[in-house]
Amino acid sequence: MTDSKTAPRRSGKRERLVTAAARVLHEQGVERTTLADIAQAADIPVGNVYYYFKTKDQLVGAAIDAHARGLQVVIDALDRLPAPQERLKALIRGWVEQRDLAARYGCPTGTLASELDKRSPESDEGGLGREVAEVMRRLLDWAEGQFEEMGRSDARELAVALVAAYQGISLLTNTFRDPELMATEGRRLERWIDSLA
């Protein structure tokens, strides 16, 4: 039987594990990260991890869900802006604000997608590669909606170009450990958005 004092602790530990997993997986990658690494980052005994997650893949799946929830929070905030150009440019500014993190580790979702794609189909039984692809698809779909609202008949192509530009600059920013690359690309992308109106 669970009393009211126990339930919050359990959810708190689970959430700490998920938050730590998202961060450690971004910093170290899936293959190099152990459950012990995540438990240490969450300040939870490693044996307690198995109470919430039986396998590392379950914890990776929870981290992907955290990425999806984080994206939804961003989209909800952007959707409060009045015009699609403003929303798209605010998205770009948000990416640029994360340039130091990108310089160290790359895009959190993009690097996870790339790493999971390298797994053999047998080692991705849970479909984690498909799950992270759905997070990326949600961003593409949202961006497409913004371009459609701008009256663009090529909205999907523009959405792909925008997300591809961000993923590409994240890779270069990380490769060269140069946050200014992302800042420069952010300014170019904002001018590009303005030119499409």
C-alpha atoms as a PDB file:
ATOM      1  CA  MET A   1       0.000   0.000   0.000  1.00  0.00           C
ATOM      2  CA  THR A   2       1.287   3.448  -0.921  1.00  0.00           C
ATOM      3  CA  ASP A   3       0.784   6.381   1.398  1.00  0.00           C
ATOM      4  CA  SER A   4       0.682   9.969   0.170  1.00  0.00           C
ATOM      5  CA  LYS A   5       4.233  10.637   1.363  1.00  0.00           C
ATOM      6  CA  THR A   6       5.716   7.778  -0.668  1.00  0.00           C
ATOM      7  CA  ALA A   7       4.124   8.601  -4.045  1.00  0.00           C
ATOM      8  CA  PRO A   8       5.766  12.036  -4.482  1.00  0.00           C
ATOM      9  CA  ARG A   9       9.182  10.577  -3.656  1.00  0.00           C
ATOM     10  CA  ARG A  10       8.735   7.889  -6.292  1.00  0.00           C
ATOM     11  CA  SER A  11       7.679  10.323  -8.987  1.00  0.00           C
ATOM     12  CA  GLY A  12      10.483  12.661  -7.911  1.00  0.00           C
ATOM     13  CA  LYS A  13      13.087   9.931  -8.288  1.00  0.00           C
ATOM     14  CA  ARG A  14      11.681   8.808 -11.615  1.00  0.00           C
ATOM     15  CA  GLU A  15      11.683  12.376 -12.927  1.00  0.00           C
ATOM     16  CA  ARG A  16      15.244  12.913 -11.668  1.00  0.00           C
ATOM     17  CA  LEU A  17      16.310   9.747 -13.493  1.00  0.00           C
ATOM     18  CA  VAL A  18      14.647  10.865 -16.730  1.00  0.00           C
ATOM     19  CA  THR A  19      16.148  14.362 -16.509  1.00  0.00           C
ATOM     20  CA  ALA A  20      19.579  12.920 -15.763  1.00  0.00           C
ATOM     21  CA  ALA A  21      19.229  10.395 -18.589  1.00  0.00           C
ATOM     22  CA  ALA A  22      18.411  13.098 -21.137  1.00  0.00           C
ATOM     23  CA  ARG A  23      21.448  15.128 -20.036  1.00  0.00           C
ATOM     24  CA  VAL A  24      23.937  12.243 -19.729  1.00  0.00           C
ATOM     25  CA  LEU A  25      22.829  10.642 -22.999  1.00  0.00           C
ATOM     26  CA  HIS A  26      23.370  13.994 -24.717  1.00  0.00           C
ATOM     27  CA  GLU A  27      26.799  14.422 -23.163  1.00  0.00           C
ATOM     28  CA  GLN A  28      28.093  10.846 -23.525  1.00  0.00           C
ATOM     29  CA  GLY A  29      25.892   9.134 -26.093  1.00  0.00           C
ATOM     30  CA  VAL A  30      23.734   6.039 -25.709  1.00  0.00           C
ATOM     31  CA  GLU A  31      26.430   3.415 -26.112  1.00  0.00           C
ATOM     32  CA  ARG A  32      28.887   4.963 -23.645  1.00  0.00           C
ATOM     33  CA  THR A  33      26.265   5.691 -20.991  1.00  0.00           C
ATOM     34  CA  THR A  34      25.525   3.127 -18.295  1.00  0.00           C
ATOM     35  CA  LEU A  35      22.629   2.966 -15.868  1.00  0.00           C
ATOM     36  CA  ALA A  36      25.200   3.653 -13.157  1.00  0.00           C
ATOM     37  CA  ASP A  37      26.161   6.920 -14.913  1.00  0.00           C
ATOM     38  CA  ILE A  38      22.548   8.017 -14.968  1.00  0.00           C
ATOM     39  CA  ALA A  39      21.931   6.965 -11.362  1.00  0.00           C
ATOM     40  CA  GLN A  40      24.984   8.928 -10.244  1.00  0.00           C
ATOM     41  CA  ALA A  41      23.861  12.031 -12.164  1.00  0.00           C
ATOM     42  CA  ALA A  42      20.388  11.709 -10.593  1.00  0.00           C
ATOM     43  CA  ASP A  43      21.906  11.128  -7.134  1.00  0.00           C
ATOM     44  CA  ILE A  44      19.961   7.877  -6.795  1.00  0.00           C
ATOM     45  CA  PRO A  45      21.438   4.477  -5.839  1.00  0.00           C
ATOM     46  CA  VAL A  46      21.908   2.385  -8.963  1.00  0.00           C
ATOM     47  CA  GLY A  47      19.798  -0.433  -7.533  1.00  0.00           C
ATOM     48  CA  ASN A  48      16.821   1.931  -7.367  1.00  0.00           C
ATOM     49  CA  VAL A  49      16.957   2.536 -11.114  1.00  0.00           C
ATOM     50  CA  TYR A  50      15.567  -0.950 -11.755  1.00  0.00           C
ATOM     51  CA  TYR A  51      12.455  -0.110  -9.746  1.00  0.00           C
ATOM     52  CA  TYR A  52      11.539   2.433 -12.438  1.00  0.00           C
ATOM     53  CA  PHE A  53      13.329   1.126 -15.535  1.00  0.00           C
ATOM     54  CA  LYS A  54      14.181  -2.513 -16.173  1.00  0.00           C
ATOM     55  CA  THR A  55      16.568  -1.758 -19.050  1.00  0.00           C
ATOM     56  CA  LYS A  56      18.667   1.077 -20.352  1.00  0.00           C
ATOM     57  CA  ASP A  57      16.464   1.184 -23.459  1.00  0.00           C
ATOM     58  CA  GLN A  58      13.426   1.920 -21.272  1.00  0.00           C
ATOM     59  CA  LEU A  59      15.326   4.842 -19.786  1.00  0.00           C
ATOM     60  CA  VAL A  60      16.377   6.009 -23.268  1.00  0.00           C
ATOM     61  CA  GLY A  61      12.703   5.866 -24.265  1.00  0.00           C
ATOM     62  CA  ALA A  62      11.805   7.988 -21.247  1.00  0.00           C
ATOM     63  CA  ALA A  63      14.505  10.491 -22.243  1.00  0.00           C
ATOM     64  CA  ILE A  64      13.005  10.646 -25.756  1.00  0.00           C
ATOM     65  CA  ASP A  65       9.606  11.335 -24.163  1.00  0.00           C
ATOM     66  CA  ALA A  66      11.254  14.139 -22.183  1.00  0.00           C
ATOM     67  CA  HIS A  67      12.567  15.615 -25.463  1.00  0.00           C
ATOM     68  CA  ALA A  68       9.032  15.420 -26.886  1.00  0.00           C
ATOM     69  CA  ARG A  69       7.550  17.152 -23.827  1.00  0.00           C
ATOM     70  CA  GLY A  70      10.255  19.821 -23.964  1.00  0.00           C
ATOM     71  CA  LEU A  71       9.519  20.456 -27.631  1.00  0.00           C
ATOM     72  CA  GLN A  72       5.813  20.761 -26.854  1.00  0.00           C
ATOM     73  CA  VAL A  73       6.539  23.356 -24.163  1.00  0.00           C
ATOM     74  CA  VAL A  74       8.573  25.362 -26.703  1.00  0.00           C
ATOM     75  CA  ILE A  75       5.861  25.066 -29.355  1.00  0.00           C
ATOM     76  CA  ASP A  76       3.158  26.117 -26.893  1.00  0.00           C
ATOM     77  CA  ALA A  77       5.179  29.226 -25.993  1.00  0.00           C
ATOM     78  CA  LEU A  78       5.892  30.051 -29.639  1.00  0.00           C
ATOM     79  CA  ASP A  79       2.241  29.622 -30.579  1.00  0.00           C
ATOM     80  CA  ARG A  80       1.367  32.520 -28.270  1.00  0.00           C
ATOM     81  CA  LEU A  81       3.225  34.888 -30.611  1.00  0.00           C
ATOM     82  CA  PRO A  82       0.902  36.623 -33.090  1.00  0.00           C
ATOM     83  CA  ALA A  83       2.600  36.005 -36.459  1.00  0.00           C
ATOM     84  CA  PRO A  84       4.248  32.946 -38.028  1.00  0.00           C
ATOM     85  CA  GLN A  85       7.396  34.897 -38.935  1.00  0.00           C
ATOM     86  CA  GLU A  86       7.760  35.943 -35.291  1.00  0.00           C
ATOM     87  CA  ARG A  87       7.268  32.334 -34.162  1.00  0.00           C
ATOM     88  CA  LEU A  88       9.888  30.999 -36.557  1.00  0.00           C
ATOM     89  CA  LYS A  89      12.394  33.696 -35.656  1.00  0.00           C
ATOM     90  CA  ALA A  90      11.802  33.081 -31.942  1.00  0.00           C
ATOM     91  CA  LEU A  91      12.499  29.386 -32.550  1.00  0.00           C
ATOM     92  CA  ILE A  92      15.774  30.307 -34.245  1.00  0.00           C
ATOM     93  CA  ARG A  93      16.713  32.651 -31.383  1.00  0.00           C
ATOM     94  CA  GLY A  94      16.030  29.811 -28.943  1.00  0.00           C
ATOM     95  CA  TRP A  95      18.410  27.586 -30.879  1.00  0.00           C
ATOM     96  CA  VAL A  96      21.057  30.312 -30.884  1.00  0.00           C
ATOM     97  CA  GLU A  97      20.685  30.764 -27.115  1.00  0.00           C
ATOM     98  CA  GLN A  98      21.721  27.106 -26.769  1.00  0.00           C
ATOM     99  CA  ARG A  99      24.857  27.581 -28.899  1.00  0.00           C
ATOM    100  CA  ASP A 100      27.324  26.890 -26.068  1.00  0.00           C
ATOM    101  CA  LEU A 101      25.634  23.566 -25.342  1.00  0.00           C
ATOM    102  CA  ALA A 102      25.607  22.748 -29.065  1.00  0.00           C
ATOM    103  CA  ALA A 103      29.325  23.572 -29.258  1.00  0.00           C
ATOM    104  CA  ARG A 104      30.024  21.009 -26.547  1.00  0.00           C
ATOM    105  CA  TYR A 105      27.617  18.208 -27.477  1.00  0.00           C
ATOM    106  CA  GLY A 106      25.574  19.021 -30.599  1.00  0.00           C
ATOM    107  CA  CYS A 107      21.779  19.110 -30.802  1.00  0.00           C
ATOM    108  CA  PRO A 108      20.267  16.908 -28.063  1.00  0.00           C
ATOM    109  CA  THR A 109      17.582  15.365 -30.262  1.00  0.00           C
ATOM    110  CA  GLY A 110      19.643  15.296 -33.457  1.00  0.00           C
ATOM    111  CA  THR A 111      22.617  13.529 -31.896  1.00  0.00           C
ATOM    112  CA  LEU A 112      20.316  10.998 -30.236  1.00  0.00           C
ATOM    113  CA  ALA A 113      18.532  10.373 -33.546  1.00  0.00           C
ATOM    114  CA  SER A 114      21.844   9.895 -35.339  1.00  0.00           C
ATOM    115  CA  GLU A 115      23.159   7.486 -32.740  1.00  0.00           C
ATOM    116  CA  LEU A 116      19.991   5.404 -32.541  1.00  0.00           C
ATOM    117  CA  ASP A 117      19.878   5.183 -36.332  1.00  0.00           C
ATOM    118  CA  LYS A 118      23.216   3.356 -36.257  1.00  0.00           C
ATOM    119  CA  ARG A 119      21.793   0.511 -34.206  1.00  0.00           C
ATOM    120  CA  SER A 120      21.001  -2.742 -35.922  1.00  0.00           C
ATOM    121  CA  PRO A 121      17.278  -3.503 -36.224  1.00  0.00           C
ATOM    122  CA  GLU A 122      17.749  -6.366 -33.747  1.00  0.00           C
ATOM    123  CA  SER A 123      19.177  -4.063 -31.059  1.00  0.00           C
ATOM    124  CA  ASP A 124      16.371  -1.518 -31.494  1.00  0.00           C
ATOM    125  CA  GLU A 125      13.524  -3.831 -30.581  1.00  0.00           C
ATOM    126  CA  GLY A 126      11.639  -1.055 -28.815  1.00  0.00           C
ATOM    127  CA  GLY A 127      11.720   1.169 -31.890  1.00  0.00           C
ATOM    128  CA  LEU A 128      13.644   3.973 -30.184  1.00  0.00           C
ATOM    129  CA  GLY A 129      14.889   5.231 -33.547  1.00  0.00           C
ATOM    130  CA  ARG A 130      11.288   5.635 -34.693  1.00  0.00           C
ATOM    131  CA  GLU A 131      10.350   7.347 -31.413  1.00  0.00           C
ATOM    132  CA  VAL A 132      13.042  10.005 -31.738  1.00  0.00           C
ATOM    133  CA  ALA A 133      12.143  10.444 -35.416  1.00  0.00           C
ATOM    134  CA  GLU A 134       8.607  11.315 -34.276  1.00  0.00           C
ATOM    135  CA  VAL A 135      10.010  14.135 -32.135  1.00  0.00           C
ATOM    136  CA  MET A 136      11.808  15.519 -35.188  1.00  0.00           C
ATOM    137  CA  ARG A 137       8.658  15.050 -37.291  1.00  0.00           C
ATOM    138  CA  ARG A 138       6.665  17.084 -34.756  1.00  0.00           C
ATOM    139  CA  LEU A 139       9.096  19.991 -35.199  1.00  0.00           C
ATOM    140  CA  LEU A 140       8.912  19.682 -38.993  1.00  0.00           C
ATOM    141  CA  ASP A 141       5.119  19.585 -38.937  1.00  0.00           C
ATOM    142  CA  TRP A 142       4.961  22.662 -36.706  1.00  0.00           C
ATOM    143  CA  ALA A 143       7.399  24.600 -38.927  1.00  0.00           C
ATOM    144  CA  GLU A 144       5.425  23.562 -42.005  1.00  0.00           C
ATOM    145  CA  GLY A 145       2.299  24.978 -40.408  1.00  0.00           C
ATOM    146  CA  GLN A 146       4.045  28.309 -39.888  1.00  0.00           C
ATOM    147  CA  PHE A 147       5.124  28.507 -43.521  1.00  0.00           C
ATOM    148  CA  GLU A 148       1.602  27.531 -44.632  1.00  0.00           C
ATOM    149  CA  GLU A 149       0.223  30.361 -42.510  1.00  0.00           C
ATOM    150  CA  MET A 150       2.629  32.683 -44.368  1.00  0.00           C
ATOM    151  CA  GLY A 151       0.879  31.570 -47.578  1.00  0.00           C
ATOM    152  CA  ARG A 152       3.744  29.449 -48.879  1.00  0.00           C
ATOM    153  CA  SER A 153       2.807  26.566 -51.195  1.00  0.00           C
ATOM    154  CA  ASP A 154       6.274  25.082 -50.613  1.00  0.00           C
ATOM    155  CA  ALA A 155       5.780  24.961 -46.840  1.00  0.00           C
ATOM    156  CA  ARG A 156       7.099  21.402 -46.327  1.00  0.00           C
ATOM    157  CA  GLU A 157      10.260  22.098 -48.331  1.00  0.00           C
ATOM    158  CA  LEU A 158      10.877  25.275 -46.331  1.00  0.00           C
ATOM    159  CA  ALA A 159      10.325  23.427 -43.046  1.00  0.00           C
ATOM    160  CA  VAL A 160      12.834  20.768 -44.067  1.00  0.00           C
ATOM    161  CA  ALA A 161      15.311  23.469 -45.105  1.00  0.00           C
ATOM    162  CA  LEU A 162      14.944  25.226 -41.746  1.00  0.00           C
ATOM    163  CA  VAL A 163      15.401  22.099 -39.626  1.00  0.00           C
ATOM    164  CA  ALA A 164      18.227  20.869 -41.879  1.00  0.00           C
ATOM    165  CA  ALA A 165      19.995  24.222 -41.515  1.00  0.00           C
ATOM    166  CA  TYR A 166      19.746  23.958 -37.742  1.00  0.00           C
ATOM    167  CA  GLN A 167      20.932  20.349 -37.648  1.00  0.00           C
ATOM    168  CA  GLY A 168      23.802  21.174 -39.993  1.00  0.00           C
ATOM    169  CA  ILE A 169      24.931  24.193 -38.009  1.00  0.00           C
ATOM    170  CA  SER A 170      24.641  22.190 -34.782  1.00  0.00           C
ATOM    171  CA  LEU A 171      27.015  19.634 -36.251  1.00  0.00           C
ATOM    172  CA  LEU A 172      29.487  22.296 -37.420  1.00  0.00           C
ATOM    173  CA  THR A 173      29.235  24.217 -34.146  1.00  0.00           C
ATOM    174  CA  ASN A 174      30.015  20.997 -32.282  1.00  0.00           C
ATOM    175  CA  THR A 175      32.738  19.880 -34.682  1.00  0.00           C
ATOM    176  CA  PHE A 176      34.618  23.172 -34.464  1.00  0.00           C
ATOM    177  CA  ARG A 177      33.556  23.922 -30.857  1.00  0.00           C
ATOM    178  CA  ASP A 178      32.628  27.389 -32.100  1.00  0.00           C
ATOM    179  CA  PRO A 179      29.319  28.820 -30.774  1.00  0.00           C
ATOM    180  CA  GLU A 180      29.698  31.868 -33.033  1.00  0.00           C
ATOM    181  CA  LEU A 181      28.970  29.661 -36.060  1.00  0.00           C
ATOM    182  CA  MET A 182      25.456  29.075 -34.749  1.00  0.00           C
ATOM    183  CA  ALA A 183      24.973  32.767 -33.951  1.00  0.00           C
ATOM    184  CA  THR A 184      25.972  33.691 -37.509  1.00  0.00           C
ATOM    185  CA  GLU A 185      23.666  31.072 -39.016  1.00  0.00           C
ATOM    186  CA  GLY A 186      20.849  32.232 -36.747  1.00  0.00           C
ATOM    187  CA  ARG A 187      21.125  35.765 -38.113  1.00  0.00           C
ATOM    188  CA  ARG A 188      21.125  34.404 -41.680  1.00  0.00           C
ATOM    189  CA  LEU A 189      18.052  32.259 -40.991  1.00  0.00           C
ATOM    190  CA  GLU A 190      16.168  35.236 -39.546  1.00  0.00           C
ATOM    191  CA  ARG A 191      16.924  37.259 -42.699  1.00  0.00           C
ATOM    192  CA  TRP A 192      15.782  34.259 -44.776  1.00  0.00           C
ATOM    193  CA  ILE A 193      12.470  34.116 -42.871  1.00  0.00           C
ATOM    194  CA  ASP A 194      11.976  37.844 -43.519  1.00  0.00           C
ATOM    195  CA  SER A 195      12.664  37.349 -47.238  1.00  0.00           C
ATOM    196  CA  LEU A 196       9.913  34.720 -47.493  1.00  0.00           C
ATOM    197  CA  ALA A 197       7.113  36.954 -46.235  1.00  0.00           C
END
